[in-house]
C-alpha atoms as a PDB file:
ATOM      1  CA  MET A   1     167.414 101.920  97.662  1.00  0.00           C
ATOM      2  CA  ALA A   2     166.014 105.563  97.041  1.00  0.00           C
ATOM      3  CA  GLU A   3     167.765 107.401  94.496  1.00  0.00           C
ATOM      4  CA  PRO A   4     170.167 110.196  95.335  1.00  0.00           C
ATOM      5  CA  PHE A   5     168.302 112.829  93.556  1.00  0.00           C
ATOM      6  CA  PRO A   6     164.567 112.560  93.559  1.00  0.00           C
ATOM      7  CA  HIS A   7     161.761 114.065  91.495  1.00  0.00           C
ATOM      8  CA  PHE A   8     159.126 116.465  93.207  1.00  0.00           C
ATOM      9  CA  SER A   9     156.618 115.330  91.039  1.00  0.00           C
ATOM     10  CA  ASP A  10     153.599 116.073  94.001  1.00  0.00           C
ATOM     11  CA  PRO A  11     153.106 119.984  94.031  1.00  0.00           C
ATOM     12  CA  CYS A  12     154.870 121.650  97.312  1.00  0.00           C
ATOM     13  CA  LEU A  13     152.034 124.340  98.211  1.00  0.00           C
ATOM     14  CA  LEU A  14     154.235 127.535  99.033  1.00  0.00           C
ATOM     15  CA  PRO A  15     153.346 130.651 101.383  1.00  0.00           C
ATOM     16  CA  ASN A  16     152.013 132.843  98.560  1.00  0.00           C
ATOM     17  CA  GLY A  17     149.138 129.928  97.767  1.00  0.00           C
ATOM     18  CA  ARG A  18     151.004 128.989  94.652  1.00  0.00           C
ATOM     19  CA  THR A  19     152.342 125.580  93.851  1.00  0.00           C
ATOM     20  CA  TRP A  20     155.665 123.559  92.897  1.00  0.00           C
ATOM     21  CA  THR A  21     157.146 120.457  90.945  1.00  0.00           C
ATOM     22  CA  ALA A  22     160.796 120.023  90.366  1.00  0.00           C
ATOM     23  CA  GLU A  23     162.152 117.222  87.772  1.00  0.00           C
ATOM     24  CA  PHE A  24     166.185 116.400  88.839  1.00  0.00           C
ATOM     25  CA  GLU A  25     167.818 117.353  84.918  1.00  0.00           C
ATOM     26  CA  SER A  26     171.790 116.827  86.029  1.00  0.00           C
ATOM     27  CA  TYR A  27     174.355 116.206  88.403  1.00  0.00           C
ATOM     28  CA  ASP A  28     177.528 118.229  87.924  1.00  0.00           C
ATOM     29  CA  MET A  29     180.276 116.000  89.673  1.00  0.00           C
ATOM     30  CA  ARG A  30     182.603 118.975  89.154  1.00  0.00           C
ATOM     31  CA  THR A  31     180.729 121.721  90.824  1.00  0.00           C
ATOM     32  CA  ASP A  32     179.273 119.294  93.234  1.00  0.00           C
ATOM     33  CA  ALA A  33     175.466 121.005  91.792  1.00  0.00           C
ATOM     34  CA  ALA A  34     172.345 118.883  91.091  1.00  0.00           C
ATOM     35  CA  TYR A  35     169.984 121.109  88.054  1.00  0.00           C
ATOM     36  CA  TYR A  36     166.037 120.994  88.296  1.00  0.00           C
ATOM     37  CA  TYR A  37     163.455 121.679  86.351  1.00  0.00           C
ATOM     38  CA  VAL A  38     160.958 123.809  88.588  1.00  0.00           C
ATOM     39  CA  THR A  39     157.248 124.493  87.613  1.00  0.00           C
ATOM     40  CA  VAL A  40     155.453 127.118  89.496  1.00  0.00           C
ATOM     41  CA  GLY A  41     151.734 126.573  89.023  1.00  0.00           C
ATOM     42  CA  GLY A  42     148.864 129.353  90.136  1.00  0.00           C
ATOM     43  CA  GLY A  43     148.938 133.205  88.747  1.00  0.00           C
ATOM     44  CA  GLY A  44     151.646 133.752  86.291  1.00  0.00           C
ATOM     45  CA  ALA A  45     152.690 130.329  85.640  1.00  0.00           C
ATOM     46  CA  SER A  46     156.310 130.255  85.254  1.00  0.00           C
ATOM     47  CA  ALA A  47     159.612 126.834  84.479  1.00  0.00           C
ATOM     48  CA  PHE A  48     162.890 127.573  84.628  1.00  0.00           C
ATOM     49  CA  PHE A  49     166.137 125.791  86.159  1.00  0.00           C
ATOM     50  CA  VAL A  50     167.697 125.453  89.912  1.00  0.00           C
ATOM     51  CA  ARG A  51     171.129 125.033  90.421  1.00  0.00           C
ATOM     52  CA  VAL A  52     171.415 123.368  94.205  1.00  0.00           C
ATOM     53  CA  GLY A  53     173.873 122.189  96.380  1.00  0.00           C
ATOM     54  CA  ALA A  54     174.679 118.517  96.284  1.00  0.00           C
ATOM     55  CA  ARG A  55     176.621 117.576  99.105  1.00  0.00           C
ATOM     56  CA  GLY A  56     179.117 115.139  97.298  1.00  0.00           C
ATOM     57  CA  GLY A  57     176.065 113.492  95.174  1.00  0.00           C
ATOM     58  CA  VAL A  58     174.479 112.205  98.269  1.00  0.00           C
ATOM     59  CA  PRO A  59     172.116 115.260  99.094  1.00  0.00           C
ATOM     60  CA  ASP A  60     169.709 115.467 101.712  1.00  0.00           C
ATOM     61  CA  ARG A  61     165.937 115.258 100.825  1.00  0.00           C
ATOM     62  CA  ASP A  62     164.484 117.795 102.984  1.00  0.00           C
ATOM     63  CA  ASP A  63     167.870 120.139 102.298  1.00  0.00           C
ATOM     64  CA  LEU A  64     167.131 119.742  98.266  1.00  0.00           C
ATOM     65  CA  LEU A  65     163.550 120.505  98.779  1.00  0.00           C
ATOM     66  CA  ALA A  66     164.256 123.876 101.017  1.00  0.00           C
ATOM     67  CA  GLN A  67     166.828 124.659  98.511  1.00  0.00           C
ATOM     68  CA  ILE A  68     164.230 124.475  95.645  1.00  0.00           C
ATOM     69  CA  ALA A  69     160.984 126.353  97.529  1.00  0.00           C
ATOM     70  CA  VAL A  70     163.727 129.046  97.787  1.00  0.00           C
ATOM     71  CA  HIS A  71     163.705 130.024  94.495  1.00  0.00           C
ATOM     72  CA  ALA A  72     160.133 128.383  93.407  1.00  0.00           C
ATOM     73  CA  GLU A  73     158.938 131.191  95.852  1.00  0.00           C
ATOM     74  CA  ALA A  74     160.660 133.917  94.175  1.00  0.00           C
ATOM     75  CA  GLY A  75     159.932 132.866  90.455  1.00  0.00           C
ATOM     76  CA  GLN A  76     163.773 132.951  89.463  1.00  0.00           C
ATOM     77  CA  PRO A  77     165.874 131.066  88.223  1.00  0.00           C
ATOM     78  CA  ASN A  78     170.021 131.287  90.103  1.00  0.00           C
ATOM     79  CA  THR A  79     171.426 129.734  86.984  1.00  0.00           C
ATOM     80  CA  ASP A  80     171.583 130.588  83.300  1.00  0.00           C
ATOM     81  CA  TYR A  81     171.609 126.558  82.758  1.00  0.00           C
ATOM     82  CA  GLU A  82     169.132 125.731  79.726  1.00  0.00           C
ATOM     83  CA  GLY A  83     169.486 122.138  80.143  1.00  0.00           C
ATOM     84  CA  SER A  84     171.306 119.492  78.199  1.00  0.00           C
ATOM     85  CA  VAL A  85     170.769 118.512  75.024  1.00  0.00           C
ATOM     86  CA  MET A  86     169.155 115.418  75.718  1.00  0.00           C
ATOM     87  CA  TRP A  87     167.098 117.269  77.665  1.00  0.00           C
ATOM     88  CA  GLN A  88     165.728 120.258  74.973  1.00  0.00           C
ATOM     89  CA  ILE A  89     165.253 117.404  72.819  1.00  0.00           C
ATOM     90  CA  ARG A  90     163.319 115.007  75.170  1.00  0.00           C
ATOM     91  CA  HIS A  91     161.555 118.400  75.991  1.00  0.00           C
ATOM     92  CA  SER A  92     160.649 119.683  72.464  1.00  0.00           C
END
């Protein structure tokens, strides 16, 4: 059985020629939102968190892909979330 919140570790191509990857960080059951750490490669590389709707904790992979891609293309987060304490420890 596939995990409900996949990682997108293979680079996804954006219309502007840049690529992005996304790593699942956490799920907030209270707000039904998932948080992904998105890394955009290419000129002016950046990394940030994106909040996506999770559709009852069982999101559709294509829907997640589309939601994340919008923010990856814009190069902007849609949340001020900075990751859990454990995330910060693992990535420091």
